[in-house]
């Protein structure tokens, strides 16, 4: 039984090898098919046809992108909080939002400076979440930089005031009633 099945499969595989026909239509378009057509010629296929494609060497997009960025005049704007805004948060948490104009198609990083000190790591995107900041006056600056760390635009300094509710450490003494 196995022998008949094996022989049957071999015969089917031999029949499955179809002839390929090639022809050109009246519009000059080349067609290929396994069915004969008028003016078609048989295409001889080699047993071991290998397609070899050579790709051009990859270009370093980051250096090219850096050159494009450095040659343009970009501007960083802090959109939130506003100039001399009063931020009220007892934990000292707030959000800074900055944008770059004109819009950059390539990849770049942004970094936030609070009172001249970098806060966190450079990041993609201009939304910064700041936590545990002391109350008082603070200055914000956002820098936009290339992937290799070169600053190509900075925002103007933005002054804000962080207010936190103060509670007395020692409770007031209540008068005793007799």
N, C-alpha and C. Protein backbone atom coordinates (compact mmCIF):
# COMPACT_ATOMS: atom_id res chain seq x y z
N UNK A 1 0.83 -1.19 0.00
CA UNK A 1 0.00 0.00 0.00
C UNK A 1 0.87 1.26 0.00
N UNK A 2 1.90 1.23 0.83
CA UNK A 2 2.81 2.39 0.88
C UNK A 2 3.52 2.58 -0.45
N UNK A 3 3.83 1.50 -1.10
CA UNK A 3 4.54 1.57 -2.38
C UNK A 3 3.67 2.25 -3.43
N UNK A 4 2.38 1.88 -3.47
CA UNK A 4 1.47 2.52 -4.44
C UNK A 4 1.29 4.01 -4.16
N UNK A 5 1.23 4.35 -2.90
CA UNK A 5 1.08 5.77 -2.52
C UNK A 5 2.32 6.56 -2.94
N UNK A 6 3.49 5.98 -2.69
CA UNK A 6 4.75 6.63 -3.05
C UNK A 6 4.86 6.81 -4.56
N UNK A 7 4.51 5.79 -5.32
CA UNK A 7 4.57 5.87 -6.78
C UNK A 7 3.56 6.90 -7.29
N UNK A 8 2.38 6.91 -6.70
CA UNK A 8 1.36 7.89 -7.10
C UNK A 8 1.83 9.32 -6.85
N UNK A 9 2.43 9.55 -5.71
CA UNK A 9 2.94 10.90 -5.41
C UNK A 9 4.06 11.31 -6.36
N UNK A 10 4.92 10.38 -6.72
CA UNK A 10 6.00 10.69 -7.66
C UNK A 10 5.44 11.06 -9.04
N UNK A 11 4.43 10.32 -9.48
CA UNK A 11 3.81 10.62 -10.78
C UNK A 11 3.12 11.99 -10.75
N UNK A 12 2.44 12.29 -9.66
CA UNK A 12 1.79 13.60 -9.54
C UNK A 12 2.81 14.73 -9.53
N UNK A 13 3.92 14.53 -8.85
CA UNK A 13 4.93 15.59 -8.80
C UNK A 13 5.54 15.85 -10.17
N UNK A 14 5.66 14.79 -10.97
CA UNK A 14 6.20 14.97 -12.32
C UNK A 14 5.20 15.74 -13.19
N UNK A 15 3.91 15.46 -12.99
CA UNK A 15 2.89 16.17 -13.75
C UNK A 15 2.73 17.62 -13.28
N UNK A 16 3.10 17.88 -12.03
CA UNK A 16 2.93 19.22 -11.46
C UNK A 16 3.91 20.22 -12.04
N UNK A 17 4.99 19.74 -12.63
CA UNK A 17 5.94 20.68 -13.22
C UNK A 17 5.32 21.21 -14.50
N UNK A 18 4.86 22.43 -14.44
CA UNK A 18 4.20 23.03 -15.58
C UNK A 18 5.20 23.79 -16.44
N UNK A 19 4.87 23.90 -17.68
CA UNK A 19 5.67 24.69 -18.60
C UNK A 19 5.27 26.15 -18.44
N UNK A 20 6.26 27.04 -18.51
CA UNK A 20 5.99 28.47 -18.38
C UNK A 20 6.06 29.09 -19.76
N UNK A 21 5.05 29.89 -20.08
CA UNK A 21 4.97 30.56 -21.37
C UNK A 21 5.12 32.07 -21.18
N UNK A 22 5.77 32.69 -22.16
CA UNK A 22 6.00 34.14 -22.12
C UNK A 22 5.51 34.73 -23.43
N UNK A 23 4.77 35.86 -23.32
CA UNK A 23 4.34 36.57 -24.53
C UNK A 23 4.21 38.05 -24.24
N UNK A 24 4.22 38.82 -25.32
CA UNK A 24 4.10 40.27 -25.24
C UNK A 24 2.79 40.66 -25.90
N UNK A 25 1.97 41.45 -25.19
CA UNK A 25 0.68 41.85 -25.75
C UNK A 25 0.84 43.05 -26.68
N UNK A 26 -0.27 43.51 -27.26
CA UNK A 26 -0.23 44.60 -28.23
C UNK A 26 0.26 45.92 -27.64
N UNK A 27 0.17 46.07 -26.29
CA UNK A 27 0.65 47.30 -25.63
C UNK A 27 2.12 47.20 -25.24
N UNK A 28 2.75 46.07 -25.53
CA UNK A 28 4.16 45.91 -25.20
C UNK A 28 4.40 45.37 -23.79
N UNK A 29 3.35 44.93 -23.12
CA UNK A 29 3.47 44.43 -21.76
C UNK A 29 3.80 42.94 -21.81
N UNK A 30 4.79 42.51 -21.01
CA UNK A 30 5.23 41.12 -20.99
C UNK A 30 4.37 40.35 -20.00
N UNK A 31 3.91 39.16 -20.40
CA UNK A 31 3.08 38.30 -19.56
C UNK A 31 3.73 36.93 -19.43
N UNK A 32 3.52 36.29 -18.27
CA UNK A 32 3.96 34.93 -18.03
C UNK A 32 2.75 34.13 -17.57
N UNK A 33 2.67 32.86 -18.01
CA UNK A 33 1.55 32.02 -17.61
C UNK A 33 1.94 30.56 -17.74
N UNK A 34 1.13 29.69 -17.13
CA UNK A 34 1.34 28.25 -17.29
C UNK A 34 0.42 27.67 -18.37
N UNK A 35 -0.34 28.55 -19.03
CA UNK A 35 -1.21 28.13 -20.12
C UNK A 35 -0.72 28.76 -21.42
N UNK A 36 -0.72 28.00 -22.51
CA UNK A 36 -0.22 28.55 -23.78
C UNK A 36 -1.12 29.67 -24.29
N UNK A 37 -0.51 30.59 -25.00
CA UNK A 37 -1.21 31.75 -25.53
C UNK A 37 -0.69 31.97 -26.94
N UNK A 38 -1.45 32.69 -27.78
CA UNK A 38 -0.99 32.97 -29.14
C UNK A 38 0.32 33.75 -29.09
N UNK A 39 1.26 33.40 -29.91
CA UNK A 39 2.59 34.04 -29.99
C UNK A 39 3.40 33.85 -28.71
N UNK A 40 3.11 32.82 -27.92
CA UNK A 40 3.85 32.57 -26.68
C UNK A 40 5.04 31.69 -26.96
N UNK A 41 6.11 31.90 -26.25
CA UNK A 41 7.28 31.05 -26.35
C UNK A 41 7.52 30.39 -25.00
N UNK A 42 8.06 29.20 -25.03
CA UNK A 42 8.32 28.43 -23.81
C UNK A 42 9.56 29.01 -23.14
N UNK A 43 9.46 29.20 -21.84
CA UNK A 43 10.60 29.73 -21.06
C UNK A 43 11.30 28.56 -20.40
N UNK A 44 12.58 28.46 -20.62
CA UNK A 44 13.39 27.41 -20.01
C UNK A 44 13.84 27.90 -18.63
N UNK A 45 13.45 27.14 -17.60
CA UNK A 45 13.86 27.48 -16.24
C UNK A 45 15.00 26.59 -15.81
N UNK A 46 16.02 27.16 -15.25
CA UNK A 46 17.16 26.39 -14.78
C UNK A 46 16.82 25.79 -13.42
N UNK A 47 17.40 24.65 -13.15
CA UNK A 47 17.14 23.95 -11.89
C UNK A 47 17.51 24.82 -10.69
N UNK A 48 18.69 25.37 -10.71
CA UNK A 48 19.18 26.10 -9.55
C UNK A 48 19.32 27.58 -9.88
N UNK A 49 18.21 28.22 -10.02
CA UNK A 49 18.22 29.65 -10.29
C UNK A 49 18.35 30.39 -8.96
N UNK A 50 19.37 31.17 -8.85
CA UNK A 50 19.58 31.95 -7.63
C UNK A 50 19.47 33.43 -7.96
N UNK A 51 18.70 34.12 -7.19
CA UNK A 51 18.63 35.58 -7.33
C UNK A 51 19.65 36.19 -6.41
N UNK A 52 20.53 36.95 -6.98
CA UNK A 52 21.54 37.62 -6.17
C UNK A 52 21.33 39.11 -6.29
N UNK A 53 21.02 39.71 -5.16
CA UNK A 53 20.77 41.15 -5.13
C UNK A 53 21.82 41.79 -4.24
N UNK A 54 22.47 42.79 -4.76
CA UNK A 54 23.43 43.51 -3.94
C UNK A 54 22.81 44.85 -3.54
N UNK A 55 22.79 45.09 -2.25
CA UNK A 55 22.22 46.33 -1.72
C UNK A 55 23.31 47.37 -1.54
N UNK A 56 22.98 48.63 -1.73
CA UNK A 56 23.97 49.65 -1.47
C UNK A 56 24.27 49.69 0.03
N UNK A 57 25.48 50.12 0.39
CA UNK A 57 25.80 50.16 1.82
C UNK A 57 24.87 51.14 2.54
N UNK A 58 24.47 50.81 3.78
CA UNK A 58 23.55 51.69 4.51
C UNK A 58 24.19 53.04 4.79
N UNK A 59 23.38 54.07 4.68
CA UNK A 59 23.86 55.41 4.98
C UNK A 59 23.61 55.70 6.43
N UNK A 60 24.50 56.41 7.05
CA UNK A 60 24.36 56.77 8.46
C UNK A 60 23.37 57.92 8.55
N UNK A 61 22.08 57.60 8.84
CA UNK A 61 21.04 58.61 8.89
C UNK A 61 21.26 59.62 10.00
N UNK A 62 21.83 59.17 11.14
CA UNK A 62 21.95 60.09 12.27
C UNK A 62 22.92 61.23 11.96
N UNK A 63 24.03 60.95 11.24
CA UNK A 63 24.95 62.04 10.92
C UNK A 63 24.34 62.94 9.85
N UNK A 64 23.66 62.36 8.88
CA UNK A 64 23.00 63.15 7.84
C UNK A 64 21.91 64.00 8.46
N UNK A 65 21.13 63.41 9.37
CA UNK A 65 20.07 64.13 10.06
C UNK A 65 20.66 65.26 10.89
N UNK A 66 21.80 65.01 11.54
CA UNK A 66 22.44 66.03 12.36
C UNK A 66 22.86 67.22 11.51
N UNK A 67 23.39 66.94 10.30
CA UNK A 67 23.82 68.02 9.43
C UNK A 67 22.63 68.85 8.98
N UNK A 68 21.51 68.19 8.66
CA UNK A 68 20.31 68.91 8.24
C UNK A 68 19.80 69.77 9.38
N UNK A 69 19.76 69.22 10.59
CA UNK A 69 19.27 69.96 11.75
C UNK A 69 20.16 71.16 12.04
N UNK A 70 21.47 70.96 11.99
CA UNK A 70 22.39 72.04 12.34
C UNK A 70 22.36 73.17 11.32
N UNK A 71 21.96 72.88 10.08
CA UNK A 71 21.94 73.91 9.05
C UNK A 71 20.64 74.72 9.05
N UNK A 72 19.65 74.33 9.83
CA UNK A 72 18.38 75.04 9.89
C UNK A 72 18.34 75.91 11.15
N UNK A 73 17.47 76.91 11.12
CA UNK A 73 17.28 77.77 12.29
C UNK A 73 16.01 77.31 13.00
N UNK A 74 16.19 76.64 14.15
CA UNK A 74 15.06 76.14 14.92
C UNK A 74 14.88 76.97 16.17
N UNK A 75 13.68 76.93 16.70
CA UNK A 75 13.36 77.69 17.91
C UNK A 75 12.61 76.76 18.87
N UNK A 76 13.04 76.76 20.13
CA UNK A 76 12.37 75.98 21.16
C UNK A 76 11.50 76.93 21.97
N UNK A 77 10.22 76.55 22.15
CA UNK A 77 9.29 77.37 22.92
C UNK A 77 8.72 76.55 24.07
N UNK A 78 8.74 77.11 25.27
CA UNK A 78 8.09 76.47 26.41
C UNK A 78 6.64 76.95 26.38
N UNK A 79 5.72 76.02 26.20
CA UNK A 79 4.30 76.39 26.11
C UNK A 79 3.59 76.32 27.46
N UNK A 80 4.15 75.55 28.38
CA UNK A 80 3.54 75.44 29.71
C UNK A 80 4.63 75.07 30.70
N UNK A 81 4.67 75.70 31.85
CA UNK A 81 3.84 76.79 32.37
C UNK A 81 4.21 78.12 31.73
N UNK A 82 3.31 79.08 31.87
CA UNK A 82 3.53 80.40 31.28
C UNK A 82 4.59 81.17 32.05
N UNK A 83 5.08 82.26 31.44
CA UNK A 83 6.08 83.12 32.07
C UNK A 83 5.52 83.70 33.37
N UNK A 84 6.30 83.60 34.42
CA UNK A 84 5.99 84.08 35.77
C UNK A 84 4.69 83.47 36.31
N UNK A 85 4.41 82.24 35.88
CA UNK A 85 3.23 81.54 36.39
C UNK A 85 3.48 81.08 37.81
N UNK A 86 2.41 80.99 38.58
CA UNK A 86 2.48 80.46 39.93
C UNK A 86 1.93 79.04 39.88
N UNK A 87 2.81 78.10 40.20
CA UNK A 87 2.43 76.69 40.22
C UNK A 87 2.19 76.31 41.67
N UNK A 88 1.01 75.81 41.95
CA UNK A 88 0.67 75.41 43.32
C UNK A 88 0.62 73.90 43.40
N UNK A 89 1.57 73.33 44.13
CA UNK A 89 1.58 71.88 44.35
C UNK A 89 2.38 71.60 45.62
N UNK A 90 1.73 70.99 46.60
CA UNK A 90 2.39 70.73 47.87
C UNK A 90 3.52 69.71 47.76
N UNK A 91 3.48 68.85 46.75
CA UNK A 91 4.55 67.87 46.56
C UNK A 91 5.70 68.41 45.72
N UNK A 92 5.51 69.58 45.12
CA UNK A 92 6.54 70.14 44.26
C UNK A 92 6.60 69.47 42.90
N UNK A 93 5.44 68.99 42.42
CA UNK A 93 5.37 68.30 41.12
C UNK A 93 4.68 69.20 40.10
N UNK A 94 5.22 69.25 38.90
CA UNK A 94 4.56 69.96 37.81
C UNK A 94 5.10 69.47 36.49
N UNK A 95 4.47 69.92 35.41
CA UNK A 95 4.81 69.47 34.07
C UNK A 95 5.28 70.64 33.23
N UNK A 96 6.32 70.41 32.43
CA UNK A 96 6.82 71.42 31.49
C UNK A 96 6.61 70.86 30.08
N UNK A 97 6.03 71.69 29.21
CA UNK A 97 5.79 71.28 27.83
C UNK A 97 6.53 72.25 26.91
N UNK A 98 7.30 71.70 25.98
CA UNK A 98 8.06 72.52 25.04
C UNK A 98 7.89 71.97 23.62
N UNK A 99 7.98 72.86 22.64
CA UNK A 99 7.88 72.47 21.23
C UNK A 99 9.05 73.06 20.46
N UNK A 100 9.33 72.46 19.31
CA UNK A 100 10.38 72.95 18.41
C UNK A 100 9.70 73.36 17.11
N UNK A 101 10.04 74.57 16.63
CA UNK A 101 9.53 75.04 15.35
C UNK A 101 10.69 75.47 14.48
N UNK A 102 10.64 75.25 13.18
CA UNK A 102 9.66 74.44 12.45
C UNK A 102 9.79 72.98 12.86
N UNK A 103 8.76 72.20 12.55
CA UNK A 103 8.72 70.79 12.95
C UNK A 103 9.88 70.04 12.31
N UNK A 104 10.49 69.16 13.08
CA UNK A 104 11.64 68.38 12.60
C UNK A 104 11.16 66.99 12.23
N UNK A 105 11.49 66.54 11.03
CA UNK A 105 11.09 65.21 10.58
C UNK A 105 11.97 64.12 11.20
N UNK A 106 13.23 64.43 11.43
CA UNK A 106 14.16 63.44 11.97
C UNK A 106 14.03 63.30 13.47
N UNK A 107 14.91 62.48 14.03
CA UNK A 107 14.90 62.21 15.45
C UNK A 107 15.85 63.16 16.16
N UNK A 108 15.39 63.71 17.26
CA UNK A 108 16.21 64.60 18.07
C UNK A 108 15.84 64.41 19.53
N UNK A 109 16.65 64.95 20.42
CA UNK A 109 16.42 64.83 21.85
C UNK A 109 16.16 66.19 22.46
N UNK A 110 15.50 66.18 23.62
CA UNK A 110 15.27 67.42 24.35
C UNK A 110 15.68 67.19 25.80
N UNK A 111 16.19 68.24 26.42
CA UNK A 111 16.61 68.15 27.82
C UNK A 111 16.11 69.40 28.54
N UNK A 112 15.70 69.22 29.79
CA UNK A 112 15.19 70.31 30.61
C UNK A 112 16.23 70.71 31.62
N UNK A 113 16.42 72.04 31.77
CA UNK A 113 17.31 72.57 32.80
C UNK A 113 16.46 73.38 33.77
N UNK A 114 16.60 73.07 35.05
CA UNK A 114 15.90 73.78 36.12
C UNK A 114 16.97 74.51 36.92
N UNK A 115 16.89 75.83 36.92
CA UNK A 115 17.88 76.67 37.62
C UNK A 115 19.30 76.34 37.17
N UNK A 116 19.47 76.09 35.86
CA UNK A 116 20.79 75.86 35.29
C UNK A 116 21.28 74.42 35.40
N UNK A 117 20.55 73.56 36.07
CA UNK A 117 20.94 72.16 36.25
C UNK A 117 20.05 71.25 35.40
N UNK A 118 20.66 70.29 34.72
CA UNK A 118 19.90 69.36 33.90
C UNK A 118 19.06 68.46 34.81
N UNK A 119 17.77 68.33 34.45
CA UNK A 119 16.86 67.49 35.20
C UNK A 119 16.57 66.25 34.36
N UNK A 120 16.98 65.09 34.83
CA UNK A 120 16.73 63.84 34.10
C UNK A 120 17.65 63.67 32.90
N UNK A 121 17.34 62.66 32.12
CA UNK A 121 18.13 62.33 30.92
C UNK A 121 17.51 62.99 29.70
N UNK A 122 18.30 63.22 28.64
CA UNK A 122 17.70 63.71 27.39
C UNK A 122 16.65 62.72 26.91
N UNK A 123 15.58 63.24 26.34
CA UNK A 123 14.46 62.39 25.94
C UNK A 123 13.91 62.82 24.60
N UNK A 124 13.17 61.90 23.98
CA UNK A 124 12.46 62.21 22.74
C UNK A 124 11.13 62.82 23.15
N UNK A 125 10.81 63.97 22.63
CA UNK A 125 9.54 64.63 22.98
C UNK A 125 9.75 65.72 24.01
N UNK A 126 8.81 66.65 24.06
CA UNK A 126 8.97 67.82 24.90
C UNK A 126 8.05 67.90 26.10
N UNK A 127 7.66 66.77 26.68
CA UNK A 127 6.83 66.79 27.88
C UNK A 127 7.68 66.26 29.02
N UNK A 128 7.94 67.12 30.00
CA UNK A 128 8.78 66.77 31.14
C UNK A 128 7.94 66.78 32.41
N UNK A 129 8.05 65.75 33.21
CA UNK A 129 7.37 65.68 34.50
C UNK A 129 8.42 65.85 35.58
N UNK A 130 8.25 66.92 36.36
CA UNK A 130 9.22 67.25 37.41
C UNK A 130 8.58 66.93 38.75
N UNK A 131 9.34 66.33 39.65
CA UNK A 131 8.81 65.97 40.96
C UNK A 131 9.72 66.48 42.08
N UNK A 132 9.10 66.71 43.22
CA UNK A 132 9.79 67.03 44.46
C UNK A 132 10.71 68.25 44.36
N UNK A 133 10.18 69.34 43.83
CA UNK A 133 10.93 70.58 43.70
C UNK A 133 10.57 71.49 44.88
N UNK A 134 11.56 72.16 45.43
CA UNK A 134 11.32 73.07 46.55
C UNK A 134 10.55 74.29 46.07
N UNK A 135 9.80 74.87 47.01
CA UNK A 135 9.05 76.07 46.67
C UNK A 135 10.00 77.24 46.42
N UNK A 136 9.47 78.24 45.70
CA UNK A 136 10.26 79.42 45.42
C UNK A 136 10.29 79.73 43.93
N UNK A 137 11.20 80.64 43.57
CA UNK A 137 11.35 81.06 42.18
C UNK A 137 12.31 80.12 41.47
N UNK A 138 11.94 79.70 40.25
CA UNK A 138 12.77 78.79 39.47
C UNK A 138 12.83 79.27 38.02
N UNK A 139 13.92 78.93 37.34
CA UNK A 139 14.11 79.27 35.94
C UNK A 139 14.18 77.98 35.13
N UNK A 140 13.39 77.92 34.06
CA UNK A 140 13.34 76.75 33.18
C UNK A 140 13.95 77.10 31.83
N UNK A 141 14.72 76.17 31.27
CA UNK A 141 15.26 76.28 29.91
C UNK A 141 15.18 74.88 29.31
N UNK A 142 14.74 74.79 28.05
CA UNK A 142 14.70 73.51 27.34
C UNK A 142 15.64 73.60 26.14
N UNK A 143 16.53 72.61 26.03
CA UNK A 143 17.47 72.52 24.91
C UNK A 143 17.05 71.40 23.98
N UNK A 144 17.16 71.63 22.66
CA UNK A 144 16.97 70.59 21.66
C UNK A 144 18.35 70.22 21.14
N UNK A 145 18.60 68.92 21.03
CA UNK A 145 19.93 68.48 20.62
C UNK A 145 19.86 67.31 19.65
N UNK A 146 20.94 67.14 18.90
CA UNK A 146 21.04 66.02 17.98
C UNK A 146 21.30 64.75 18.77
N UNK A 147 21.27 63.61 18.10
CA UNK A 147 21.50 62.32 18.77
C UNK A 147 22.89 62.24 19.39
N UNK A 148 23.85 62.96 18.82
CA UNK A 148 25.20 62.91 19.38
C UNK A 148 25.42 63.94 20.48
N UNK A 149 24.38 64.67 20.90
CA UNK A 149 24.46 65.55 22.06
C UNK A 149 24.76 67.01 21.76
N UNK A 150 24.81 67.40 20.49
CA UNK A 150 25.09 68.79 20.15
C UNK A 150 23.80 69.60 20.19
N UNK A 151 23.77 70.66 21.03
CA UNK A 151 22.58 71.51 21.17
C UNK A 151 22.46 72.38 19.93
N UNK A 152 21.27 72.33 19.28
CA UNK A 152 21.06 73.16 18.09
C UNK A 152 20.03 74.26 18.33
N UNK A 153 19.31 74.22 19.45
CA UNK A 153 18.35 75.30 19.78
C UNK A 153 18.03 75.25 21.26
N UNK A 154 17.78 76.43 21.84
CA UNK A 154 17.41 76.53 23.26
C UNK A 154 16.26 77.50 23.40
N UNK A 155 15.45 77.26 24.41
CA UNK A 155 14.36 78.19 24.70
C UNK A 155 14.90 79.37 25.47
N UNK A 156 14.13 80.46 25.49
CA UNK A 156 14.51 81.56 26.38
C UNK A 156 14.18 81.13 27.80
N UNK A 157 14.91 81.66 28.78
CA UNK A 157 14.63 81.30 30.17
C UNK A 157 13.20 81.67 30.56
N UNK A 158 12.55 80.78 31.28
CA UNK A 158 11.17 80.98 31.72
C UNK A 158 11.17 80.97 33.24
N UNK A 159 10.71 82.07 33.84
CA UNK A 159 10.66 82.18 35.31
C UNK A 159 9.28 81.73 35.79
N UNK A 160 9.29 80.85 36.81
CA UNK A 160 8.03 80.41 37.42
C UNK A 160 8.18 80.47 38.94
N UNK A 161 7.06 80.41 39.62
CA UNK A 161 7.05 80.42 41.09
C UNK A 161 6.30 79.18 41.55
N UNK A 162 6.94 78.40 42.42
CA UNK A 162 6.30 77.22 42.96
C UNK A 162 5.86 77.51 44.39
N UNK A 163 4.57 77.39 44.63
CA UNK A 163 4.02 77.63 45.96
C UNK A 163 3.58 76.31 46.56
N UNK A 164 3.89 76.16 47.83
CA UNK A 164 3.44 75.00 48.59
C UNK A 164 2.80 75.51 49.87
N UNK A 165 1.72 74.90 50.25
CA UNK A 165 1.06 75.30 51.50
C UNK A 165 1.98 74.94 52.66
N UNK A 166 2.15 75.88 53.57
CA UNK A 166 3.02 75.64 54.73
C UNK A 166 2.15 75.34 55.94
N UNK A 167 2.59 74.36 56.69
CA UNK A 167 1.90 74.03 57.92
C UNK A 167 2.90 74.16 59.05
N UNK A 168 2.46 74.72 60.11
CA UNK A 168 3.32 74.90 61.27
C UNK A 168 3.67 73.53 61.83
N UNK A 169 4.93 73.34 62.21
CA UNK A 169 5.38 72.08 62.76
C UNK A 169 4.81 71.82 64.16
N UNK A 170 4.73 72.89 64.95
CA UNK A 170 4.21 72.72 66.31
C UNK A 170 2.79 73.27 66.39
N UNK A 171 1.87 72.45 66.89
CA UNK A 171 0.49 72.93 66.97
C UNK A 171 0.36 74.04 68.00
N UNK A 172 -0.54 74.96 67.71
CA UNK A 172 -0.77 76.05 68.65
C UNK A 172 -1.44 75.49 69.89
N UNK A 173 -1.08 76.07 71.04
CA UNK A 173 -1.65 75.63 72.30
C UNK A 173 -3.06 76.19 72.42
N UNK A 174 -3.94 75.32 72.83
CA UNK A 174 -5.32 75.71 73.04
C UNK A 174 -5.48 76.12 74.51
N UNK A 175 -6.22 77.21 74.72
CA UNK A 175 -6.43 77.60 76.12
C UNK A 175 -7.24 76.54 76.85
N UNK A 176 -6.86 76.30 78.10
CA UNK A 176 -7.57 75.30 78.90
C UNK A 176 -8.83 75.90 79.45
N UNK A 177 -9.87 75.13 79.42
CA UNK A 177 -11.12 75.59 80.01
C UNK A 177 -11.38 74.81 81.29
N UNK A 178 -11.82 75.52 82.31
CA UNK A 178 -12.07 74.90 83.61
C UNK A 178 -13.47 74.51 83.76
